[in-house]
């Protein structure tokens, strides 16, 4: 499968919708590049992506 770019909101809404209220609009609007596309993601993958995306965003804000 080809790489696919999606917003974090799409990943969260599809796989872990219970997290939506806990994420900011900025976090939900982050672009995420998926190596194998959205169709192959599992809920555990989504949790890892959310965690990594938030950590990366915090690092950028602290610089």
PDB file of N, CA and C in Angstrom:
ATOM      1  N   UNK A   1       0.843  -1.185   0.000  1.00  0.00           N
ATOM      2  CA  UNK A   1       0.000   0.000   0.000  1.00  0.00           C
ATOM      3  C   UNK A   1       0.885   1.244   0.000  1.00  0.00           C
ATOM      4  N   UNK A   2       0.373   2.312  -0.561  1.00  0.00           N
ATOM      5  CA  UNK A   2       1.112   3.563  -0.650  1.00  0.00           C
ATOM      6  C   UNK A   2       0.999   4.381   0.622  1.00  0.00           C
ATOM      7  N   UNK A   3       1.944   5.303   0.768  1.00  0.00           N
ATOM      8  CA  UNK A   3       1.894   6.225   1.901  1.00  0.00           C
ATOM      9  C   UNK A   3       0.645   7.096   1.774  1.00  0.00           C
ATOM     10  N   UNK A   4       0.117   7.485   2.927  1.00  0.00           N
ATOM     11  CA  UNK A   4      -1.102   8.292   2.958  1.00  0.00           C
ATOM     12  C   UNK A   4      -0.943   9.353   4.034  1.00  0.00           C
ATOM     13  N   UNK A   5      -1.309  10.587   3.717  1.00  0.00           N
ATOM     14  CA  UNK A   5      -1.286  11.663   4.702  1.00  0.00           C
ATOM     15  C   UNK A   5      -2.713  11.939   5.155  1.00  0.00           C
ATOM     16  N   UNK A   6      -2.920  11.897   6.463  1.00  0.00           N
ATOM     17  CA  UNK A   6      -4.246  12.152   7.036  1.00  0.00           C
ATOM     18  C   UNK A   6      -4.085  13.048   8.266  1.00  0.00           C
ATOM     19  N   UNK A   7      -5.148  13.678   8.655  1.00  0.00           N
ATOM     20  CA  UNK A   7      -5.146  14.455   9.892  1.00  0.00           C
ATOM     21  C   UNK A   7      -5.287  13.496  11.067  1.00  0.00           C
ATOM     22  N   UNK A   8      -4.698  13.861  12.184  1.00  0.00           N
ATOM     23  CA  UNK A   8      -4.789  13.039  13.378  1.00  0.00           C
ATOM     24  C   UNK A   8      -6.252  12.826  13.761  1.00  0.00           C
ATOM     25  N   UNK A   9      -7.085  13.813  13.527  1.00  0.00           N
ATOM     26  CA  UNK A   9      -8.508  13.689  13.867  1.00  0.00           C
ATOM     27  C   UNK A   9      -9.151  12.501  13.161  1.00  0.00           C
ATOM     28  N   UNK A  10      -8.762  12.251  11.946  1.00  0.00           N
ATOM     29  CA  UNK A  10      -9.341  11.131  11.189  1.00  0.00           C
ATOM     30  C   UNK A  10      -8.945   9.791  11.810  1.00  0.00           C
ATOM     31  N   UNK A  11      -7.690   9.686  12.234  1.00  0.00           N
ATOM     32  CA  UNK A  11      -7.209   8.466  12.880  1.00  0.00           C
ATOM     33  C   UNK A  11      -7.955   8.244  14.188  1.00  0.00           C
ATOM     34  N   UNK A  12      -8.035   9.300  14.985  1.00  0.00           N
ATOM     35  CA  UNK A  12      -8.663   9.203  16.300  1.00  0.00           C
ATOM     36  C   UNK A  12     -10.150   8.887  16.169  1.00  0.00           C
ATOM     37  N   UNK A  13     -10.838   9.592  15.304  1.00  0.00           N
ATOM     38  CA  UNK A  13     -12.273   9.369  15.142  1.00  0.00           C
ATOM     39  C   UNK A  13     -12.590   7.949  14.669  1.00  0.00           C
ATOM     40  N   UNK A  14     -11.711   7.382  13.865  1.00  0.00           N
ATOM     41  CA  UNK A  14     -11.956   6.038  13.346  1.00  0.00           C
ATOM     42  C   UNK A  14     -11.610   4.951  14.358  1.00  0.00           C
ATOM     43  N   UNK A  15     -10.499   5.118  15.079  1.00  0.00           N
ATOM     44  CA  UNK A  15      -9.980   4.009  15.888  1.00  0.00           C
ATOM     45  C   UNK A  15     -10.106   4.186  17.395  1.00  0.00           C
ATOM     46  N   UNK A  16     -10.034   5.399  17.889  1.00  0.00           N
ATOM     47  CA  UNK A  16     -10.133   5.635  19.337  1.00  0.00           C
ATOM     48  C   UNK A  16     -10.944   6.909  19.607  1.00  0.00           C
ATOM     49  N   UNK A  17     -12.222   6.912  19.201  1.00  0.00           N
ATOM     50  CA  UNK A  17     -13.040   8.128  19.313  1.00  0.00           C
ATOM     51  C   UNK A  17     -13.181   8.647  20.742  1.00  0.00           C
ATOM     52  N   UNK A  18     -12.969   7.796  21.733  1.00  0.00           N
ATOM     53  CA  UNK A  18     -13.073   8.243  23.121  1.00  0.00           C
ATOM     54  C   UNK A  18     -11.990   9.260  23.481  1.00  0.00           C
ATOM     55  N   UNK A  19     -10.953   9.405  22.659  1.00  0.00           N
ATOM     56  CA  UNK A  19      -9.884  10.374  22.932  1.00  0.00           C
ATOM     57  C   UNK A  19     -10.186  11.775  22.411  1.00  0.00           C
ATOM     58  N   UNK A  20     -11.144  11.904  21.519  1.00  0.00           N
ATOM     59  CA  UNK A  20     -11.423  13.204  20.893  1.00  0.00           C
ATOM     60  C   UNK A  20     -11.588  14.334  21.920  1.00  0.00           C
ATOM     61  N   UNK A  21     -12.352  14.158  22.991  1.00  0.00           N
ATOM     62  CA  UNK A  21     -12.530  15.267  23.940  1.00  0.00           C
ATOM     63  C   UNK A  21     -11.244  15.692  24.665  1.00  0.00           C
ATOM     64  N   UNK A  22     -10.237  14.832  24.655  1.00  0.00           N
ATOM     65  CA  UNK A  22      -9.010  15.113  25.381  1.00  0.00           C
ATOM     66  C   UNK A  22      -7.927  15.766  24.527  1.00  0.00           C
ATOM     67  N   UNK A  23      -8.166  15.901  23.242  1.00  0.00           N
ATOM     68  CA  UNK A  23      -7.186  16.482  22.343  1.00  0.00           C
ATOM     69  C   UNK A  23      -7.603  17.887  21.936  1.00  0.00           C
ATOM     70  N   UNK A  24      -6.604  18.737  21.763  1.00  0.00           N
ATOM     71  CA  UNK A  24      -6.887  20.108  21.349  1.00  0.00           C
ATOM     72  C   UNK A  24      -7.159  20.153  19.842  1.00  0.00           C
ATOM     73  N   UNK A  25      -7.718  21.242  19.411  1.00  0.00           N
ATOM     74  CA  UNK A  25      -7.971  21.435  17.981  1.00  0.00           C
ATOM     75  C   UNK A  25      -6.658  21.391  17.200  1.00  0.00           C
ATOM     76  N   UNK A  26      -5.634  21.976  17.777  1.00  0.00           N
ATOM     77  CA  UNK A  26      -4.312  21.975  17.126  1.00  0.00           C
ATOM     78  C   UNK A  26      -3.788  20.546  16.965  1.00  0.00           C
ATOM     79  N   UNK A  27      -3.916  19.745  18.011  1.00  0.00           N
ATOM     80  CA  UNK A  27      -3.476  18.354  17.946  1.00  0.00           C
ATOM     81  C   UNK A  27      -4.280  17.570  16.913  1.00  0.00           C
ATOM     82  N   UNK A  28      -5.574  17.759  16.903  1.00  0.00           N
ATOM     83  CA  UNK A  28      -6.430  17.042  15.958  1.00  0.00           C
ATOM     84  C   UNK A  28      -6.136  17.409  14.507  1.00  0.00           C
ATOM     85  N   UNK A  29      -5.608  18.603  14.291  1.00  0.00           N
ATOM     86  CA  UNK A  29      -5.324  19.064  12.932  1.00  0.00           C
ATOM     87  C   UNK A  29      -3.924  18.724  12.443  1.00  0.00           C
ATOM     88  N   UNK A  30      -3.133  18.020  13.254  1.00  0.00           N
ATOM     89  CA  UNK A  30      -1.793  17.625  12.822  1.00  0.00           C
ATOM     90  C   UNK A  30      -1.878  16.671  11.640  1.00  0.00           C
ATOM     91  N   UNK A  31      -1.004  16.873  10.661  1.00  0.00           N
ATOM     92  CA  UNK A  31      -0.911  15.947   9.532  1.00  0.00           C
ATOM     93  C   UNK A  31      -0.007  14.791   9.914  1.00  0.00           C
ATOM     94  N   UNK A  32      -0.457  13.588   9.630  1.00  0.00           N
ATOM     95  CA  UNK A  32       0.280  12.370   9.935  1.00  0.00           C
ATOM     96  C   UNK A  32       0.482  11.604   8.636  1.00  0.00           C
ATOM     97  N   UNK A  33       1.710  11.180   8.376  1.00  0.00           N
ATOM     98  CA  UNK A  33       2.000  10.368   7.197  1.00  0.00           C
ATOM     99  C   UNK A  33       2.023   8.906   7.636  1.00  0.00           C
ATOM    100  N   UNK A  34       1.170   8.122   7.025  1.00  0.00           N
ATOM    101  CA  UNK A  34       1.062   6.700   7.340  1.00  0.00           C
ATOM    102  C   UNK A  34       1.731   5.890   6.242  1.00  0.00           C
ATOM    103  N   UNK A  35       2.687   5.081   6.627  1.00  0.00           N
ATOM    104  CA  UNK A  35       3.444   4.289   5.657  1.00  0.00           C
ATOM    105  C   UNK A  35       2.543   3.327   4.889  1.00  0.00           C
ATOM    106  N   UNK A  36       1.637   2.665   5.587  1.00  0.00           N
ATOM    107  CA  UNK A  36       0.790   1.659   4.951  1.00  0.00           C
ATOM    108  C   UNK A  36      -0.675   2.073   4.844  1.00  0.00           C
ATOM    109  N   UNK A  37      -0.961   3.326   5.098  1.00  0.00           N
ATOM    110  CA  UNK A  37      -2.317   3.817   4.965  1.00  0.00           C
ATOM    111  C   UNK A  37      -3.193   3.573   6.181  1.00  0.00           C
ATOM    112  N   UNK A  38      -4.295   4.258   6.215  1.00  0.00           N
ATOM    113  CA  UNK A  38      -5.235   4.213   7.331  1.00  0.00           C
ATOM    114  C   UNK A  38      -5.929   2.862   7.471  1.00  0.00           C
ATOM    115  N   UNK A  39      -6.145   2.191   6.382  1.00  0.00           N
ATOM    116  CA  UNK A  39      -6.899   0.933   6.405  1.00  0.00           C
ATOM    117  C   UNK A  39      -6.236  -0.156   7.248  1.00  0.00           C
ATOM    118  N   UNK A  40      -4.922  -0.114   7.389  1.00  0.00           N
ATOM    119  CA  UNK A  40      -4.214  -1.165   8.117  1.00  0.00           C
ATOM    120  C   UNK A  40      -3.939  -0.838   9.578  1.00  0.00           C
ATOM    121  N   UNK A  41      -4.341   0.344  10.031  1.00  0.00           N
ATOM    122  CA  UNK A  41      -4.084   0.728  11.425  1.00  0.00           C
ATOM    123  C   UNK A  41      -4.978  -0.022  12.397  1.00  0.00           C
ATOM    124  N   UNK A  42      -4.421  -0.312  13.545  1.00  0.00           N
ATOM    125  CA  UNK A  42      -5.141  -0.928  14.653  1.00  0.00           C
ATOM    126  C   UNK A  42      -5.276   0.117  15.769  1.00  0.00           C
ATOM    127  N   UNK A  43      -6.203  -0.070  16.713  1.00  0.00           N
ATOM    128  CA  UNK A  43      -6.343   0.886  17.815  1.00  0.00           C
ATOM    129  C   UNK A  43      -5.044   1.119  18.597  1.00  0.00           C
ATOM    130  N   UNK A  44      -4.244   0.077  18.806  1.00  0.00           N
ATOM    131  CA  UNK A  44      -2.962   0.265  19.494  1.00  0.00           C
ATOM    132  C   UNK A  44      -2.024   1.159  18.696  1.00  0.00           C
ATOM    133  N   UNK A  45      -2.048   1.020  17.379  1.00  0.00           N
ATOM    134  CA  UNK A  45      -1.239   1.884  16.515  1.00  0.00           C
ATOM    135  C   UNK A  45      -1.682   3.333  16.658  1.00  0.00           C
ATOM    136  N   UNK A  46      -2.990   3.532  16.694  1.00  0.00           N
ATOM    137  CA  UNK A  46      -3.538   4.880  16.816  1.00  0.00           C
ATOM    138  C   UNK A  46      -3.107   5.522  18.128  1.00  0.00           C
ATOM    139  N   UNK A  47      -3.131   4.757  19.212  1.00  0.00           N
ATOM    140  CA  UNK A  47      -2.707   5.282  20.515  1.00  0.00           C
ATOM    141  C   UNK A  47      -1.238   5.702  20.463  1.00  0.00           C
ATOM    142  N   UNK A  48      -0.412   4.906  19.829  1.00  0.00           N
ATOM    143  CA  UNK A  48       1.014   5.225  19.709  1.00  0.00           C
ATOM    144  C   UNK A  48       1.220   6.488  18.875  1.00  0.00           C
ATOM    145  N   UNK A  49       0.466   6.624  17.801  1.00  0.00           N
ATOM    146  CA  UNK A  49       0.563   7.813  16.949  1.00  0.00           C
ATOM    147  C   UNK A  49       0.141   9.052  17.717  1.00  0.00           C
ATOM    148  N   UNK A  50      -0.948   8.963  18.473  1.00  0.00           N
ATOM    149  CA  UNK A  50      -1.419  10.101  19.275  1.00  0.00           C
ATOM    150  C   UNK A  50      -0.347  10.503  20.285  1.00  0.00           C
ATOM    151  N   UNK A  51       0.182   9.535  21.001  1.00  0.00           N
ATOM    152  CA  UNK A  51       1.201   9.822  22.009  1.00  0.00           C
ATOM    153  C   UNK A  51       2.434  10.468  21.380  1.00  0.00           C
ATOM    154  N   UNK A  52       2.923   9.911  20.307  1.00  0.00           N
ATOM    155  CA  UNK A  52       4.114  10.441  19.647  1.00  0.00           C
ATOM    156  C   UNK A  52       3.857  11.846  19.094  1.00  0.00           C
ATOM    157  N   UNK A  53       2.694  12.059  18.527  1.00  0.00           N
ATOM    158  CA  UNK A  53       2.363  13.365  17.945  1.00  0.00           C
ATOM    159  C   UNK A  53       2.306  14.446  19.008  1.00  0.00           C
ATOM    160  N   UNK A  54       1.715  14.134  20.146  1.00  0.00           N
ATOM    161  CA  UNK A  54       1.618  15.104  21.238  1.00  0.00           C
ATOM    162  C   UNK A  54       3.003  15.410  21.796  1.00  0.00           C
ATOM    163  N   UNK A  55       3.821  14.385  21.981  1.00  0.00           N
ATOM    164  CA  UNK A  55       5.182  14.596  22.487  1.00  0.00           C
ATOM    165  C   UNK A  55       5.989  15.462  21.537  1.00  0.00           C
ATOM    166  N   UNK A  56       5.875  15.202  20.254  1.00  0.00           N
ATOM    167  CA  UNK A  56       6.609  15.974  19.260  1.00  0.00           C
ATOM    168  C   UNK A  56       6.150  17.426  19.238  1.00  0.00           C
ATOM    169  N   UNK A  57       4.850  17.636  19.370  1.00  0.00           N
ATOM    170  CA  UNK A  57       4.312  18.992  19.382  1.00  0.00           C
ATOM    171  C   UNK A  57       4.810  19.740  20.599  1.00  0.00           C
ATOM    172  N   UNK A  58       4.850  19.110  21.752  1.00  0.00           N
ATOM    173  CA  UNK A  58       5.355  19.745  22.981  1.00  0.00           C
ATOM    174  C   UNK A  58       6.822  20.135  22.814  1.00  0.00           C
ATOM    175  N   UNK A  59       7.621  19.256  22.233  1.00  0.00           N
ATOM    176  CA  UNK A  59       9.030  19.546  22.016  1.00  0.00           C
ATOM    177  C   UNK A  59       9.201  20.778  21.137  1.00  0.00           C
ATOM    178  N   UNK A  60       8.376  20.886  20.100  1.00  0.00           N
ATOM    179  CA  UNK A  60       8.459  22.025  19.194  1.00  0.00           C
ATOM    180  C   UNK A  60       8.081  23.312  19.910  1.00  0.00           C
ATOM    181  N   UNK A  61       7.111  23.262  20.814  1.00  0.00           N
ATOM    182  CA  UNK A  61       6.689  24.443  21.536  1.00  0.00           C
ATOM    183  C   UNK A  61       7.734  24.905  22.545  1.00  0.00           C
ATOM    184  N   UNK A  62       8.496  23.959  23.076  1.00  0.00           N
ATOM    185  CA  UNK A  62       9.498  24.293  24.089  1.00  0.00           C
ATOM    186  C   UNK A  62      10.781  24.879  23.483  1.00  0.00           C
ATOM    187  N   UNK A  63      10.963  24.719  22.190  1.00  0.00           N
ATOM    188  CA  UNK A  63      12.181  25.227  21.547  1.00  0.00           C
ATOM    189  C   UNK A  63      12.106  26.698  21.297  1.00  0.00           C
TER     190      UNK A  63
END
